[in-house]
Amino acid sequence: MSLWVFGYGSIIWRPNIPYIAAYRATAVGWSRRFWQGSHDHRGTPEAPGRVLTLVPMNGERCEGRVFEIPESEISSTLALLDHREKNGYERQQLRVETAELGIVDALTYIAPEHNEAWLGDASAQMIADHIRVSSGPSGSNTDYVLSLHDALEADDIQDAHIAQIAALLR
C-alpha cells in the first residue's frame, strides 16, 4: 500500500522525496497563502521569512501535485517531511482531485493559525517587501517564491496570489 502526499509549495519544484508517480491535483476549498513564518528554512528565528500554508477559503481551488510514495519508503519519507515541515506545520489528510485517478486521499502539511510561527494576512506589497529581505539556511525567500512561480507557470497553473507577489519581487 502506498501513501499519497499533496504538495502545494516547494515540494512542487523540489520534492526531494522518493516517489513512483506524480500527478497534477486540486484541493477544493483551499488557497495557498504566504501567511506562515519560516524560522528554519527561508528565514531565521530573529528574522523569519514567509512561506506557504493552505488556508480554507470557500470557492477557491489550490492546484499542486500529488506524489505516490511506495510502501517501502513511507516511514523514511514521513521522517524527512516531518523535519522539512517542522516549523508550525501539522500533518493533515486532504481529499484532492486528479484527472488520472479521480479523488485521492493525500497527506499534506498545513500550518494552522494558532501555531507560534503564524504571521497571517498582509497586503501583497507587505508580503513581497518581507520576502525580499529574508533568507535562511535553505536560501533566499525570494528564490523560494520565484522558483514556485516558475514551476506553476510551467505546469500552466494560475495562482493570482503567487503571481502578484512574484511580479512585485521581479
N, C-alpha and C. Protein backbone atom coordinates (compact mmCIF):
# COMPACT_ATOMS: atom_id res chain seq x y z
N MET A 1 0.85 -1.19 0.00
CA MET A 1 0.00 0.00 0.00
C MET A 1 0.89 1.24 0.00
N SER A 2 0.59 2.15 -0.87
CA SER A 2 1.39 3.37 -0.98
C SER A 2 0.73 4.51 -0.21
N LEU A 3 1.44 5.62 -0.14
CA LEU A 3 0.96 6.84 0.51
C LEU A 3 0.98 7.94 -0.55
N TRP A 4 -0.08 8.74 -0.56
CA TRP A 4 -0.13 9.91 -1.44
C TRP A 4 0.17 11.16 -0.62
N VAL A 5 1.02 12.03 -1.14
CA VAL A 5 1.40 13.28 -0.48
C VAL A 5 1.04 14.42 -1.44
N PHE A 6 0.27 15.39 -0.94
CA PHE A 6 -0.09 16.56 -1.74
C PHE A 6 0.89 17.69 -1.45
N GLY A 7 1.49 18.21 -2.51
CA GLY A 7 2.40 19.33 -2.39
C GLY A 7 1.83 20.55 -3.07
N TYR A 8 1.95 21.69 -2.39
CA TYR A 8 1.40 22.93 -2.94
C TYR A 8 2.43 24.05 -2.93
N GLY A 9 3.61 23.80 -2.39
CA GLY A 9 4.66 24.82 -2.30
C GLY A 9 5.96 24.28 -2.87
N SER A 10 7.00 24.33 -2.07
CA SER A 10 8.34 23.95 -2.55
C SER A 10 8.42 22.49 -2.98
N ILE A 11 7.55 21.66 -2.47
CA ILE A 11 7.58 20.26 -2.87
C ILE A 11 7.25 20.10 -4.36
N ILE A 12 6.60 21.09 -4.96
CA ILE A 12 6.29 21.04 -6.39
C ILE A 12 7.58 21.15 -7.20
N TRP A 13 8.44 22.07 -6.85
CA TRP A 13 9.66 22.28 -7.64
C TRP A 13 10.90 21.63 -7.05
N ARG A 14 10.81 21.17 -5.81
CA ARG A 14 11.95 20.49 -5.17
C ARG A 14 11.41 19.40 -4.25
N PRO A 15 10.89 18.30 -4.84
CA PRO A 15 10.26 17.30 -4.00
C PRO A 15 11.23 16.62 -3.01
N ASN A 16 12.39 16.23 -3.45
CA ASN A 16 13.37 15.56 -2.57
C ASN A 16 12.76 14.42 -1.77
N ILE A 17 11.81 13.73 -2.35
CA ILE A 17 11.21 12.55 -1.72
C ILE A 17 11.16 11.45 -2.78
N PRO A 18 11.26 10.20 -2.35
CA PRO A 18 11.17 9.11 -3.33
C PRO A 18 9.71 8.87 -3.72
N TYR A 19 9.40 9.02 -4.98
CA TYR A 19 8.03 8.79 -5.42
C TYR A 19 8.04 7.98 -6.71
N ILE A 20 6.94 7.28 -6.93
CA ILE A 20 6.84 6.43 -8.11
C ILE A 20 5.89 7.01 -9.16
N ALA A 21 5.09 7.98 -8.76
CA ALA A 21 4.20 8.66 -9.70
C ALA A 21 3.86 10.03 -9.12
N ALA A 22 3.58 10.97 -10.01
CA ALA A 22 3.16 12.31 -9.59
C ALA A 22 2.14 12.81 -10.60
N TYR A 23 1.09 13.44 -10.08
CA TYR A 23 0.04 13.97 -10.93
C TYR A 23 -0.36 15.36 -10.45
N ARG A 24 -0.83 16.14 -11.38
CA ARG A 24 -1.43 17.42 -11.01
C ARG A 24 -2.68 17.12 -10.19
N ALA A 25 -2.88 17.90 -9.13
CA ALA A 25 -4.01 17.66 -8.23
C ALA A 25 -4.57 18.98 -7.74
N THR A 26 -5.85 18.96 -7.39
CA THR A 26 -6.53 20.17 -6.93
C THR A 26 -7.20 19.93 -5.59
N ALA A 27 -6.94 20.82 -4.64
CA ALA A 27 -7.61 20.82 -3.35
C ALA A 27 -8.71 21.87 -3.42
N VAL A 28 -9.94 21.42 -3.38
CA VAL A 28 -11.10 22.32 -3.50
C VAL A 28 -11.42 22.91 -2.13
N GLY A 29 -11.65 24.24 -2.09
CA GLY A 29 -11.96 24.92 -0.84
C GLY A 29 -10.74 25.38 -0.08
N TRP A 30 -9.58 25.36 -0.74
CA TRP A 30 -8.32 25.77 -0.11
C TRP A 30 -7.59 26.74 -1.02
N SER A 31 -6.80 27.62 -0.40
CA SER A 31 -5.95 28.55 -1.14
C SER A 31 -4.58 28.60 -0.48
N ARG A 32 -3.54 28.65 -1.29
CA ARG A 32 -2.19 28.77 -0.70
C ARG A 32 -1.91 30.25 -0.45
N ARG A 33 -1.30 30.54 0.72
CA ARG A 33 -1.01 31.92 1.11
C ARG A 33 0.34 31.97 1.85
N PHE A 34 1.05 33.08 1.65
CA PHE A 34 2.31 33.32 2.35
C PHE A 34 2.03 33.90 3.73
N TRP A 35 1.38 33.12 4.57
CA TRP A 35 0.98 33.58 5.89
C TRP A 35 1.75 32.89 7.01
N GLN A 36 2.67 32.00 6.68
CA GLN A 36 3.42 31.25 7.68
C GLN A 36 4.85 31.77 7.77
N GLY A 37 5.34 31.92 8.96
CA GLY A 37 6.73 32.32 9.16
C GLY A 37 7.66 31.13 8.99
N SER A 38 8.87 31.40 8.55
CA SER A 38 9.90 30.37 8.42
C SER A 38 11.12 30.80 9.22
N HIS A 39 11.30 30.13 10.36
CA HIS A 39 12.45 30.39 11.22
C HIS A 39 13.61 29.46 10.90
N ASP A 40 13.34 28.44 10.07
CA ASP A 40 14.32 27.38 9.90
C ASP A 40 14.78 27.13 8.46
N HIS A 41 14.07 27.63 7.47
CA HIS A 41 14.46 27.38 6.08
C HIS A 41 14.69 28.68 5.29
N ARG A 42 13.71 29.55 5.25
CA ARG A 42 13.80 30.77 4.44
C ARG A 42 13.90 32.02 5.31
N GLY A 43 14.28 31.81 6.55
CA GLY A 43 14.49 32.89 7.49
C GLY A 43 15.21 32.34 8.70
N THR A 44 15.29 33.13 9.74
CA THR A 44 15.95 32.73 10.98
C THR A 44 15.00 33.03 12.14
N PRO A 45 15.32 32.53 13.33
CA PRO A 45 14.46 32.87 14.48
C PRO A 45 14.36 34.37 14.72
N GLU A 46 15.44 35.10 14.46
CA GLU A 46 15.45 36.55 14.66
C GLU A 46 14.75 37.30 13.53
N ALA A 47 14.76 36.72 12.34
CA ALA A 47 14.17 37.37 11.16
C ALA A 47 13.51 36.31 10.28
N PRO A 48 12.33 35.86 10.67
CA PRO A 48 11.67 34.80 9.89
C PRO A 48 11.28 35.26 8.50
N GLY A 49 11.36 34.32 7.55
CA GLY A 49 10.85 34.57 6.20
C GLY A 49 9.37 34.25 6.16
N ARG A 50 8.80 34.29 4.97
CA ARG A 50 7.39 33.94 4.77
C ARG A 50 7.31 32.78 3.80
N VAL A 51 6.59 31.74 4.21
CA VAL A 51 6.38 30.58 3.37
C VAL A 51 4.89 30.27 3.31
N LEU A 52 4.56 29.29 2.50
CA LEU A 52 3.15 28.99 2.24
C LEU A 52 2.52 28.08 3.28
N THR A 53 1.23 28.25 3.42
CA THR A 53 0.37 27.30 4.07
C THR A 53 -0.93 27.27 3.27
N LEU A 54 -1.75 26.29 3.55
CA LEU A 54 -3.08 26.25 2.96
C LEU A 54 -4.07 26.87 3.93
N VAL A 55 -4.96 27.68 3.39
CA VAL A 55 -5.98 28.36 4.17
C VAL A 55 -7.34 27.97 3.59
N PRO A 56 -8.28 27.53 4.44
CA PRO A 56 -9.60 27.20 3.90
C PRO A 56 -10.30 28.45 3.39
N MET A 57 -10.78 28.38 2.14
CA MET A 57 -11.49 29.51 1.54
C MET A 57 -12.56 28.96 0.61
N ASN A 58 -13.80 29.27 0.92
CA ASN A 58 -14.90 28.83 0.08
C ASN A 58 -14.74 29.32 -1.34
N GLY A 59 -14.99 28.43 -2.28
CA GLY A 59 -14.93 28.78 -3.68
C GLY A 59 -13.55 28.78 -4.30
N GLU A 60 -12.51 28.60 -3.50
CA GLU A 60 -11.14 28.61 -4.02
C GLU A 60 -10.70 27.20 -4.40
N ARG A 61 -9.65 27.14 -5.21
CA ARG A 61 -9.06 25.87 -5.63
C ARG A 61 -7.54 26.03 -5.62
N CYS A 62 -6.86 25.13 -4.96
CA CYS A 62 -5.40 25.16 -4.94
C CYS A 62 -4.89 23.99 -5.78
N GLU A 63 -4.21 24.33 -6.87
CA GLU A 63 -3.64 23.29 -7.72
C GLU A 63 -2.19 23.07 -7.34
N GLY A 64 -1.84 21.80 -7.22
CA GLY A 64 -0.48 21.41 -6.89
C GLY A 64 -0.18 20.06 -7.52
N ARG A 65 0.58 19.25 -6.78
CA ARG A 65 0.93 17.92 -7.26
C ARG A 65 0.73 16.92 -6.13
N VAL A 66 0.32 15.73 -6.53
CA VAL A 66 0.20 14.64 -5.57
C VAL A 66 1.25 13.59 -5.97
N PHE A 67 1.98 13.12 -4.97
CA PHE A 67 3.09 12.19 -5.19
C PHE A 67 2.76 10.85 -4.53
N GLU A 68 2.98 9.77 -5.26
CA GLU A 68 2.77 8.43 -4.70
C GLU A 68 4.09 7.92 -4.13
N ILE A 69 4.06 7.66 -2.83
CA ILE A 69 5.25 7.17 -2.11
C ILE A 69 5.10 5.66 -1.96
N PRO A 70 6.09 4.88 -2.39
CA PRO A 70 5.97 3.43 -2.26
C PRO A 70 5.99 3.01 -0.78
N GLU A 71 5.32 1.91 -0.51
CA GLU A 71 5.20 1.43 0.87
C GLU A 71 6.55 1.30 1.56
N SER A 72 7.56 0.84 0.84
CA SER A 72 8.88 0.63 1.44
C SER A 72 9.55 1.94 1.85
N GLU A 73 9.05 3.07 1.35
CA GLU A 73 9.66 4.38 1.63
C GLU A 73 8.80 5.27 2.53
N ILE A 74 7.66 4.79 2.98
CA ILE A 74 6.74 5.64 3.74
C ILE A 74 7.36 6.15 5.02
N SER A 75 7.93 5.28 5.81
CA SER A 75 8.49 5.69 7.11
C SER A 75 9.60 6.73 6.94
N SER A 76 10.53 6.48 6.05
CA SER A 76 11.63 7.43 5.86
C SER A 76 11.14 8.74 5.24
N THR A 77 10.15 8.66 4.36
CA THR A 77 9.60 9.87 3.74
C THR A 77 8.89 10.72 4.77
N LEU A 78 8.10 10.09 5.65
CA LEU A 78 7.42 10.85 6.70
C LEU A 78 8.43 11.51 7.64
N ALA A 79 9.50 10.82 7.96
CA ALA A 79 10.53 11.41 8.82
C ALA A 79 11.15 12.63 8.13
N LEU A 80 11.43 12.50 6.84
CA LEU A 80 12.01 13.61 6.08
C LEU A 80 11.04 14.78 6.02
N LEU A 81 9.77 14.50 5.72
CA LEU A 81 8.78 15.58 5.61
C LEU A 81 8.49 16.21 6.97
N ASP A 82 8.45 15.40 8.03
CA ASP A 82 8.23 15.96 9.37
C ASP A 82 9.35 16.94 9.74
N HIS A 83 10.58 16.62 9.33
CA HIS A 83 11.69 17.54 9.60
C HIS A 83 11.58 18.78 8.71
N ARG A 84 11.27 18.57 7.45
CA ARG A 84 11.16 19.68 6.49
C ARG A 84 10.05 20.65 6.88
N GLU A 85 8.95 20.13 7.41
CA GLU A 85 7.77 20.93 7.72
C GLU A 85 7.57 21.12 9.23
N LYS A 86 8.66 21.20 9.97
CA LYS A 86 8.57 21.21 11.44
C LYS A 86 8.17 22.55 12.05
N ASN A 87 8.31 23.62 11.35
CA ASN A 87 8.13 24.95 11.92
C ASN A 87 6.66 25.40 11.89
N GLY A 88 5.83 24.69 12.68
CA GLY A 88 4.43 25.08 12.81
C GLY A 88 3.44 24.28 11.98
N TYR A 89 3.94 23.37 11.17
CA TYR A 89 3.06 22.59 10.31
C TYR A 89 2.56 21.34 11.01
N GLU A 90 1.36 20.92 10.63
CA GLU A 90 0.77 19.69 11.14
C GLU A 90 0.38 18.82 9.95
N ARG A 91 0.52 17.51 10.14
CA ARG A 91 0.04 16.58 9.12
C ARG A 91 -1.48 16.62 9.08
N GLN A 92 -2.02 16.65 7.87
CA GLN A 92 -3.47 16.58 7.71
C GLN A 92 -3.80 15.75 6.48
N GLN A 93 -4.92 15.07 6.54
CA GLN A 93 -5.44 14.35 5.38
C GLN A 93 -6.30 15.31 4.57
N LEU A 94 -6.16 15.24 3.28
CA LEU A 94 -6.86 16.16 2.39
C LEU A 94 -7.31 15.38 1.16
N ARG A 95 -8.54 15.59 0.76
CA ARG A 95 -9.03 14.98 -0.48
C ARG A 95 -8.67 15.91 -1.63
N VAL A 96 -8.00 15.35 -2.62
CA VAL A 96 -7.63 16.13 -3.80
C VAL A 96 -8.17 15.43 -5.05
N GLU A 97 -8.37 16.22 -6.09
CA GLU A 97 -8.89 15.70 -7.35
C GLU A 97 -7.77 15.63 -8.37
N THR A 98 -7.72 14.52 -9.10
CA THR A 98 -6.78 14.38 -10.20
C THR A 98 -7.53 13.92 -11.45
N ALA A 99 -7.04 14.28 -12.60
CA ALA A 99 -7.65 13.84 -13.86
C ALA A 99 -7.43 12.34 -14.05
N GLU A 100 -6.27 11.86 -13.62
CA GLU A 100 -5.89 10.47 -13.86
C GLU A 100 -6.55 9.48 -12.89
N LEU A 101 -6.71 9.88 -11.63
CA LEU A 101 -7.14 8.93 -10.59
C LEU A 101 -8.48 9.28 -9.96
N GLY A 102 -9.02 10.43 -10.28
CA GLY A 102 -10.23 10.89 -9.59
C GLY A 102 -9.85 11.46 -8.23
N ILE A 103 -10.62 11.14 -7.21
CA ILE A 103 -10.37 11.65 -5.86
C ILE A 103 -9.30 10.79 -5.18
N VAL A 104 -8.35 11.47 -4.55
CA VAL A 104 -7.27 10.80 -3.82
C VAL A 104 -7.23 11.38 -2.41
N ASP A 105 -7.13 10.52 -1.41
CA ASP A 105 -6.89 10.97 -0.04
C ASP A 105 -5.39 11.09 0.13
N ALA A 106 -4.93 12.30 0.39
CA ALA A 106 -3.50 12.56 0.45
C ALA A 106 -3.12 13.21 1.77
N LEU A 107 -1.92 12.96 2.18
CA LEU A 107 -1.34 13.61 3.34
C LEU A 107 -0.75 14.94 2.88
N THR A 108 -0.94 15.98 3.67
CA THR A 108 -0.28 17.25 3.39
C THR A 108 0.07 17.89 4.71
N TYR A 109 0.82 18.95 4.64
CA TYR A 109 1.23 19.69 5.83
C TYR A 109 0.64 21.09 5.76
N ILE A 110 -0.10 21.45 6.80
CA ILE A 110 -0.74 22.75 6.87
C ILE A 110 -0.34 23.42 8.18
N ALA A 111 0.02 24.68 8.11
CA ALA A 111 0.34 25.46 9.31
C ALA A 111 -0.94 26.17 9.75
N PRO A 112 -1.52 25.73 10.86
CA PRO A 112 -2.76 26.37 11.31
C PRO A 112 -2.50 27.72 11.96
N GLU A 113 -3.53 28.52 12.02
CA GLU A 113 -3.44 29.88 12.53
C GLU A 113 -2.91 29.96 13.96
N HIS A 114 -3.11 28.95 14.76
CA HIS A 114 -2.71 29.00 16.17
C HIS A 114 -1.23 28.65 16.42
N ASN A 115 -0.45 28.34 15.37
CA ASN A 115 0.94 27.94 15.60
C ASN A 115 1.82 29.16 15.89
N GLU A 116 2.93 28.92 16.56
CA GLU A 116 3.80 30.02 17.04
C GLU A 116 4.51 30.79 15.92
N ALA A 117 4.58 30.22 14.72
CA ALA A 117 5.26 30.90 13.61
C ALA A 117 4.29 31.61 12.67
N TRP A 118 3.01 31.63 13.02
CA TRP A 118 1.99 32.24 12.16
C TRP A 118 2.23 33.74 12.01
N LEU A 119 2.23 34.22 10.78
CA LEU A 119 2.37 35.65 10.51
C LEU A 119 1.05 36.26 10.05
N GLY A 120 0.22 35.49 9.39
CA GLY A 120 -1.10 35.95 9.00
C GLY A 120 -1.12 36.78 7.73
N ASP A 121 -2.29 37.29 7.47
CA ASP A 121 -2.57 38.04 6.26
C ASP A 121 -1.83 39.38 6.27
N ALA A 122 -1.52 39.84 5.09
CA ALA A 122 -0.92 41.16 4.88
C ALA A 122 -1.14 41.49 3.41
N SER A 123 -0.92 42.73 3.06
CA SER A 123 -1.05 43.11 1.66
C SER A 123 0.04 42.42 0.85
N ALA A 124 -0.20 42.30 -0.45
CA ALA A 124 0.81 41.70 -1.32
C ALA A 124 2.12 42.48 -1.26
N GLN A 125 2.04 43.79 -1.20
CA GLN A 125 3.25 44.61 -1.13
C GLN A 125 4.02 44.35 0.17
N MET A 126 3.31 44.26 1.28
CA MET A 126 3.98 43.98 2.56
C MET A 126 4.61 42.59 2.55
N ILE A 127 3.92 41.61 1.99
CA ILE A 127 4.47 40.26 1.90
C ILE A 127 5.73 40.26 1.02
N ALA A 128 5.66 40.91 -0.13
CA ALA A 128 6.82 40.96 -1.03
C ALA A 128 7.99 41.67 -0.38
N ASP A 129 7.74 42.79 0.31
CA ASP A 129 8.81 43.51 0.99
C ASP A 129 9.47 42.64 2.06
N HIS A 130 8.67 41.88 2.78
CA HIS A 130 9.18 40.98 3.82
C HIS A 130 10.03 39.88 3.18
N ILE A 131 9.51 39.26 2.13
CA ILE A 131 10.20 38.17 1.45
C ILE A 131 11.52 38.65 0.85
N ARG A 132 11.53 39.84 0.29
CA ARG A 132 12.71 40.38 -0.39
C ARG A 132 13.94 40.42 0.52
N VAL A 133 13.75 40.66 1.80
CA VAL A 133 14.88 40.81 2.73
C VAL A 133 15.12 39.57 3.57
N SER A 134 14.39 38.50 3.33
CA SER A 134 14.51 37.29 4.16
C SER A 134 15.36 36.23 3.49
N SER A 135 16.13 35.55 4.33
CA SER A 135 16.99 34.46 3.88
C SER A 135 17.28 33.55 5.06
N GLY A 136 17.52 32.29 4.76
CA GLY A 136 17.82 31.33 5.83
C GLY A 136 18.69 30.21 5.31
N PRO A 137 18.81 29.13 6.08
CA PRO A 137 19.69 28.02 5.70
C PRO A 137 19.36 27.39 4.34
N SER A 138 18.10 27.46 3.91
CA SER A 138 17.71 26.89 2.61
C SER A 138 17.81 27.90 1.47
N GLY A 139 18.26 29.11 1.76
CA GLY A 139 18.43 30.10 0.71
C GLY A 139 17.51 31.29 0.88
N SER A 140 17.48 32.11 -0.15
CA SER A 140 16.71 33.34 -0.06
C SER A 140 15.21 33.05 -0.20
N ASN A 141 14.45 33.85 0.49
CA ASN A 141 13.00 33.73 0.44
C ASN A 141 12.50 34.08 -0.97
N THR A 142 13.15 35.04 -1.61
CA THR A 142 12.78 35.42 -2.97
C THR A 142 12.93 34.24 -3.92
N ASP A 143 14.02 33.50 -3.81
CA ASP A 143 14.22 32.33 -4.68
C ASP A 143 13.10 31.31 -4.50
N TYR A 144 12.64 31.13 -3.27
CA TYR A 144 11.53 30.22 -2.97
C TYR A 144 10.29 30.63 -3.78
N VAL A 145 9.94 31.90 -3.72
CA VAL A 145 8.75 32.39 -4.40
C VAL A 145 8.90 32.27 -5.91
N LEU A 146 10.03 32.73 -6.44
CA LEU A 146 10.20 32.73 -7.89
C LEU A 146 10.32 31.31 -8.45
N SER A 147 10.94 30.40 -7.70
CA SER A 147 11.01 29.00 -8.14
C SER A 147 9.62 28.38 -8.19
N LEU A 148 8.81 28.66 -7.19
CA LEU A 148 7.43 28.15 -7.21
C LEU A 148 6.65 28.77 -8.37
N HIS A 149 6.75 30.08 -8.52
CA HIS A 149 6.02 30.74 -9.60
C HIS A 149 6.40 30.15 -10.96
N ASP A 150 7.69 29.94 -11.19
CA ASP A 150 8.14 29.38 -12.46
C ASP A 150 7.63 27.96 -12.65
N ALA A 151 7.61 27.16 -11.59
CA ALA A 151 7.11 25.78 -11.68
C ALA A 151 5.61 25.77 -11.96
N LEU A 152 4.86 26.66 -11.32
CA LEU A 152 3.43 26.73 -11.58
C LEU A 152 3.16 27.14 -13.02
N GLU A 153 3.89 28.12 -13.51
CA GLU A 153 3.73 28.55 -14.90
C GLU A 153 4.07 27.42 -15.86
N ALA A 154 5.12 26.65 -15.57
CA ALA A 154 5.50 25.53 -16.44
C ALA A 154 4.39 24.48 -16.49
N ASP A 155 3.65 24.33 -15.40
CA ASP A 155 2.52 23.39 -15.35
C ASP A 155 1.20 24.04 -15.78
N ASP A 156 1.26 25.28 -16.24
CA ASP A 156 0.08 26.05 -16.64
C ASP A 156 -0.95 26.15 -15.50
N ILE A 157 -0.43 26.39 -14.30
CA ILE A 157 -1.27 26.58 -13.11
C ILE A 157 -1.31 28.06 -12.80
N GLN A 158 -2.51 28.61 -12.73
CA GLN A 158 -2.69 30.02 -12.42
C GLN A 158 -2.95 30.19 -10.92
N ASP A 159 -2.21 31.06 -10.29
CA ASP A 159 -2.41 31.38 -8.88
C ASP A 159 -2.16 32.88 -8.72
N ALA A 160 -3.23 33.63 -8.53
CA ALA A 160 -3.12 35.09 -8.50
C ALA A 160 -2.24 35.58 -7.36
N HIS A 161 -2.34 34.94 -6.18
CA HIS A 161 -1.54 35.35 -5.01
C HIS A 161 -0.04 35.20 -5.31
N ILE A 162 0.33 34.04 -5.83
CA ILE A 162 1.75 33.79 -6.15
C ILE A 162 2.21 34.71 -7.27
N ALA A 163 1.40 34.86 -8.32
CA ALA A 163 1.78 35.70 -9.45
C ALA A 163 1.97 37.16 -9.03
N GLN A 164 1.10 37.67 -8.18
CA GLN A 164 1.20 39.05 -7.75
C GLN A 164 2.48 39.28 -6.94
N ILE A 165 2.78 38.38 -6.03
CA ILE A 165 3.98 38.55 -5.20
C ILE A 165 5.24 38.36 -6.05
N ALA A 166 5.23 37.38 -6.96
CA ALA A 166 6.38 37.19 -7.85
C ALA A 166 6.61 38.43 -8.70
N ALA A 167 5.56 39.03 -9.21
CA ALA A 167 5.71 40.25 -10.03
C ALA A 167 6.31 41.38 -9.21
N LEU A 168 5.89 41.53 -7.96
CA LEU A 168 6.46 42.57 -7.10
C LEU A 168 7.93 42.31 -6.80
N LEU A 169 8.31 41.04 -6.69
CA LEU A 169 9.69 40.69 -6.40
C LEU A 169 10.59 40.85 -7.63
N ARG A 170 10.04 40.68 -8.80
CA ARG A 170 10.84 40.81 -10.05
C ARG A 170 11.03 42.28 -10.35
